[in-house]
């Protein structure tokens, strides 16, 4: 595999990470809104249940952390490929 091919694959993986990361980020946003908004009536009825809101955090935070870890690894690999003149 050439350097250019690998860089293209890394870019595709970044796109997939963005797609994978979108839903958990929305869940975190809704959870934070439910926890800290002063509205008496939340946007969605299920946000009234504290168990559901906490469950949203429990599910979404590890996924976001994994996406961040993977993105850092991919960025590091891409930087090495771009800076290495021998490959």
C-alpha atoms as a PDB file:
ATOM      1  CA  UNK A   1       0.000   0.000   0.000  1.00  0.00           C
ATOM      2  CA  UNK A   2       1.386   3.372  -0.923  1.00  0.00           C
ATOM      3  CA  UNK A   3       1.548   6.393   1.324  1.00  0.00           C
ATOM      4  CA  UNK A   4      -1.159   8.190  -0.657  1.00  0.00           C
ATOM      5  CA  UNK A   5      -3.513   5.204  -0.461  1.00  0.00           C
ATOM      6  CA  UNK A   6      -3.088   4.955   3.297  1.00  0.00           C
ATOM      7  CA  UNK A   7      -3.711   8.681   3.725  1.00  0.00           C
ATOM      8  CA  UNK A   8      -6.959   8.312   1.730  1.00  0.00           C
ATOM      9  CA  UNK A   9      -7.985   5.385   3.951  1.00  0.00           C
ATOM     10  CA  UNK A  10      -7.251   7.466   7.045  1.00  0.00           C
ATOM     11  CA  UNK A  11      -9.460  10.253   5.675  1.00  0.00           C
ATOM     12  CA  UNK A  12     -12.280   7.731   5.117  1.00  0.00           C
ATOM     13  CA  UNK A  13     -11.863   6.488   8.692  1.00  0.00           C
ATOM     14  CA  UNK A  14     -12.094  10.096   9.933  1.00  0.00           C
ATOM     15  CA  UNK A  15     -15.387  10.455   8.051  1.00  0.00           C
ATOM     16  CA  UNK A  16     -16.738   7.255   9.622  1.00  0.00           C
ATOM     17  CA  UNK A  17     -15.668   8.428  13.087  1.00  0.00           C
ATOM     18  CA  UNK A  18     -17.592  11.643  12.527  1.00  0.00           C
ATOM     19  CA  UNK A  19     -20.703   9.682  11.627  1.00  0.00           C
ATOM     20  CA  UNK A  20     -20.297   7.290  14.556  1.00  0.00           C
ATOM     21  CA  UNK A  21     -19.658  10.195  16.930  1.00  0.00           C
ATOM     22  CA  UNK A  22     -22.691  12.272  15.912  1.00  0.00           C
ATOM     23  CA  UNK A  23     -25.421  10.342  17.741  1.00  0.00           C
ATOM     24  CA  UNK A  24     -23.595  10.055  21.097  1.00  0.00           C
ATOM     25  CA  UNK A  25     -22.802  13.777  20.966  1.00  0.00           C
ATOM     26  CA  UNK A  26     -26.504  14.539  20.478  1.00  0.00           C
ATOM     27  CA  UNK A  27     -27.286  12.261  23.408  1.00  0.00           C
ATOM     28  CA  UNK A  28     -24.766  14.105  25.590  1.00  0.00           C
ATOM     29  CA  UNK A  29     -26.229  17.436  24.540  1.00  0.00           C
ATOM     30  CA  UNK A  30     -29.761  16.337  25.372  1.00  0.00           C
ATOM     31  CA  UNK A  31     -28.579  14.910  28.688  1.00  0.00           C
ATOM     32  CA  UNK A  32     -26.826  18.131  29.645  1.00  0.00           C
ATOM     33  CA  UNK A  33     -29.897  20.099  28.657  1.00  0.00           C
ATOM     34  CA  UNK A  34     -32.084  17.840  30.808  1.00  0.00           C
ATOM     35  CA  UNK A  35     -29.732  18.154  33.792  1.00  0.00           C
ATOM     36  CA  UNK A  36     -29.093  21.894  33.741  1.00  0.00           C
ATOM     37  CA  UNK A  37     -31.999  23.598  31.961  1.00  0.00           C
ATOM     38  CA  UNK A  38     -34.344  25.515  34.219  1.00  0.00           C
ATOM     39  CA  UNK A  39     -37.378  24.742  32.086  1.00  0.00           C
ATOM     40  CA  UNK A  40     -40.189  23.014  33.902  1.00  0.00           C
ATOM     41  CA  UNK A  41     -41.061  21.026  30.760  1.00  0.00           C
ATOM     42  CA  UNK A  42     -38.200  19.373  28.815  1.00  0.00           C
ATOM     43  CA  UNK A  43     -38.100  19.194  25.026  1.00  0.00           C
ATOM     44  CA  UNK A  44     -38.819  15.462  25.065  1.00  0.00           C
ATOM     45  CA  UNK A  45     -40.916  13.622  27.644  1.00  0.00           C
ATOM     46  CA  UNK A  46     -38.294  10.917  28.224  1.00  0.00           C
ATOM     47  CA  UNK A  47     -35.872  13.577  29.508  1.00  0.00           C
ATOM     48  CA  UNK A  48     -38.007  13.836  32.666  1.00  0.00           C
ATOM     49  CA  UNK A  49     -36.746  10.411  33.765  1.00  0.00           C
ATOM     50  CA  UNK A  50     -33.395  10.769  35.558  1.00  0.00           C
ATOM     51  CA  UNK A  51     -32.568   7.095  34.930  1.00  0.00           C
ATOM     52  CA  UNK A  52     -32.863   7.525  31.180  1.00  0.00           C
ATOM     53  CA  UNK A  53     -30.749  10.685  31.215  1.00  0.00           C
ATOM     54  CA  UNK A  54     -28.021   8.965  33.254  1.00  0.00           C
ATOM     55  CA  UNK A  55     -28.208   5.959  30.941  1.00  0.00           C
ATOM     56  CA  UNK A  56     -27.689   8.250  27.964  1.00  0.00           C
ATOM     57  CA  UNK A  57     -24.442   9.443  29.550  1.00  0.00           C
ATOM     58  CA  UNK A  58     -23.342   5.911  30.426  1.00  0.00           C
ATOM     59  CA  UNK A  59     -23.830   4.768  26.830  1.00  0.00           C
ATOM     60  CA  UNK A  60     -22.607   7.816  24.960  1.00  0.00           C
ATOM     61  CA  UNK A  61     -19.515   8.947  26.876  1.00  0.00           C
ATOM     62  CA  UNK A  62     -17.483   5.756  26.238  1.00  0.00           C
ATOM     63  CA  UNK A  63     -18.315   5.904  22.524  1.00  0.00           C
ATOM     64  CA  UNK A  64     -17.181   9.531  22.321  1.00  0.00           C
ATOM     65  CA  UNK A  65     -13.989   8.735  24.227  1.00  0.00           C
ATOM     66  CA  UNK A  66     -13.258   5.824  21.876  1.00  0.00           C
ATOM     67  CA  UNK A  67     -13.818   8.087  18.852  1.00  0.00           C
ATOM     68  CA  UNK A  68     -11.460  10.680  20.308  1.00  0.00           C
ATOM     69  CA  UNK A  69      -8.791   8.059  21.011  1.00  0.00           C
ATOM     70  CA  UNK A  70      -9.115   6.631  17.496  1.00  0.00           C
ATOM     71  CA  UNK A  71      -8.979  10.105  15.923  1.00  0.00           C
ATOM     72  CA  UNK A  72      -5.766  10.933  17.794  1.00  0.00           C
ATOM     73  CA  UNK A  73      -4.181   7.656  16.646  1.00  0.00           C
ATOM     74  CA  UNK A  74      -5.213   8.275  13.029  1.00  0.00           C
ATOM     75  CA  UNK A  75      -3.974  11.880  13.107  1.00  0.00           C
ATOM     76  CA  UNK A  76      -0.644  10.716  14.468  1.00  0.00           C
ATOM     77  CA  UNK A  77      -0.318   8.080  11.756  1.00  0.00           C
ATOM     78  CA  UNK A  78      -1.244  10.569   9.040  1.00  0.00           C
ATOM     79  CA  UNK A  79       1.292  13.101  10.363  1.00  0.00           C
ATOM     80  CA  UNK A  80       4.006  10.430  10.321  1.00  0.00           C
ATOM     81  CA  UNK A  81       3.137   9.463   6.763  1.00  0.00           C
ATOM     82  CA  UNK A  82       3.128  13.073   5.587  1.00  0.00           C
ATOM     83  CA  UNK A  83       6.442  13.894   7.278  1.00  0.00           C
ATOM     84  CA  UNK A  84       8.333  10.702   6.332  1.00  0.00           C
ATOM     85  CA  UNK A  85      10.066  11.209   2.952  1.00  0.00           C
ATOM     86  CA  UNK A  86      11.022   7.508   2.587  1.00  0.00           C
ATOM     87  CA  UNK A  87       7.592   5.918   2.348  1.00  0.00           C
END
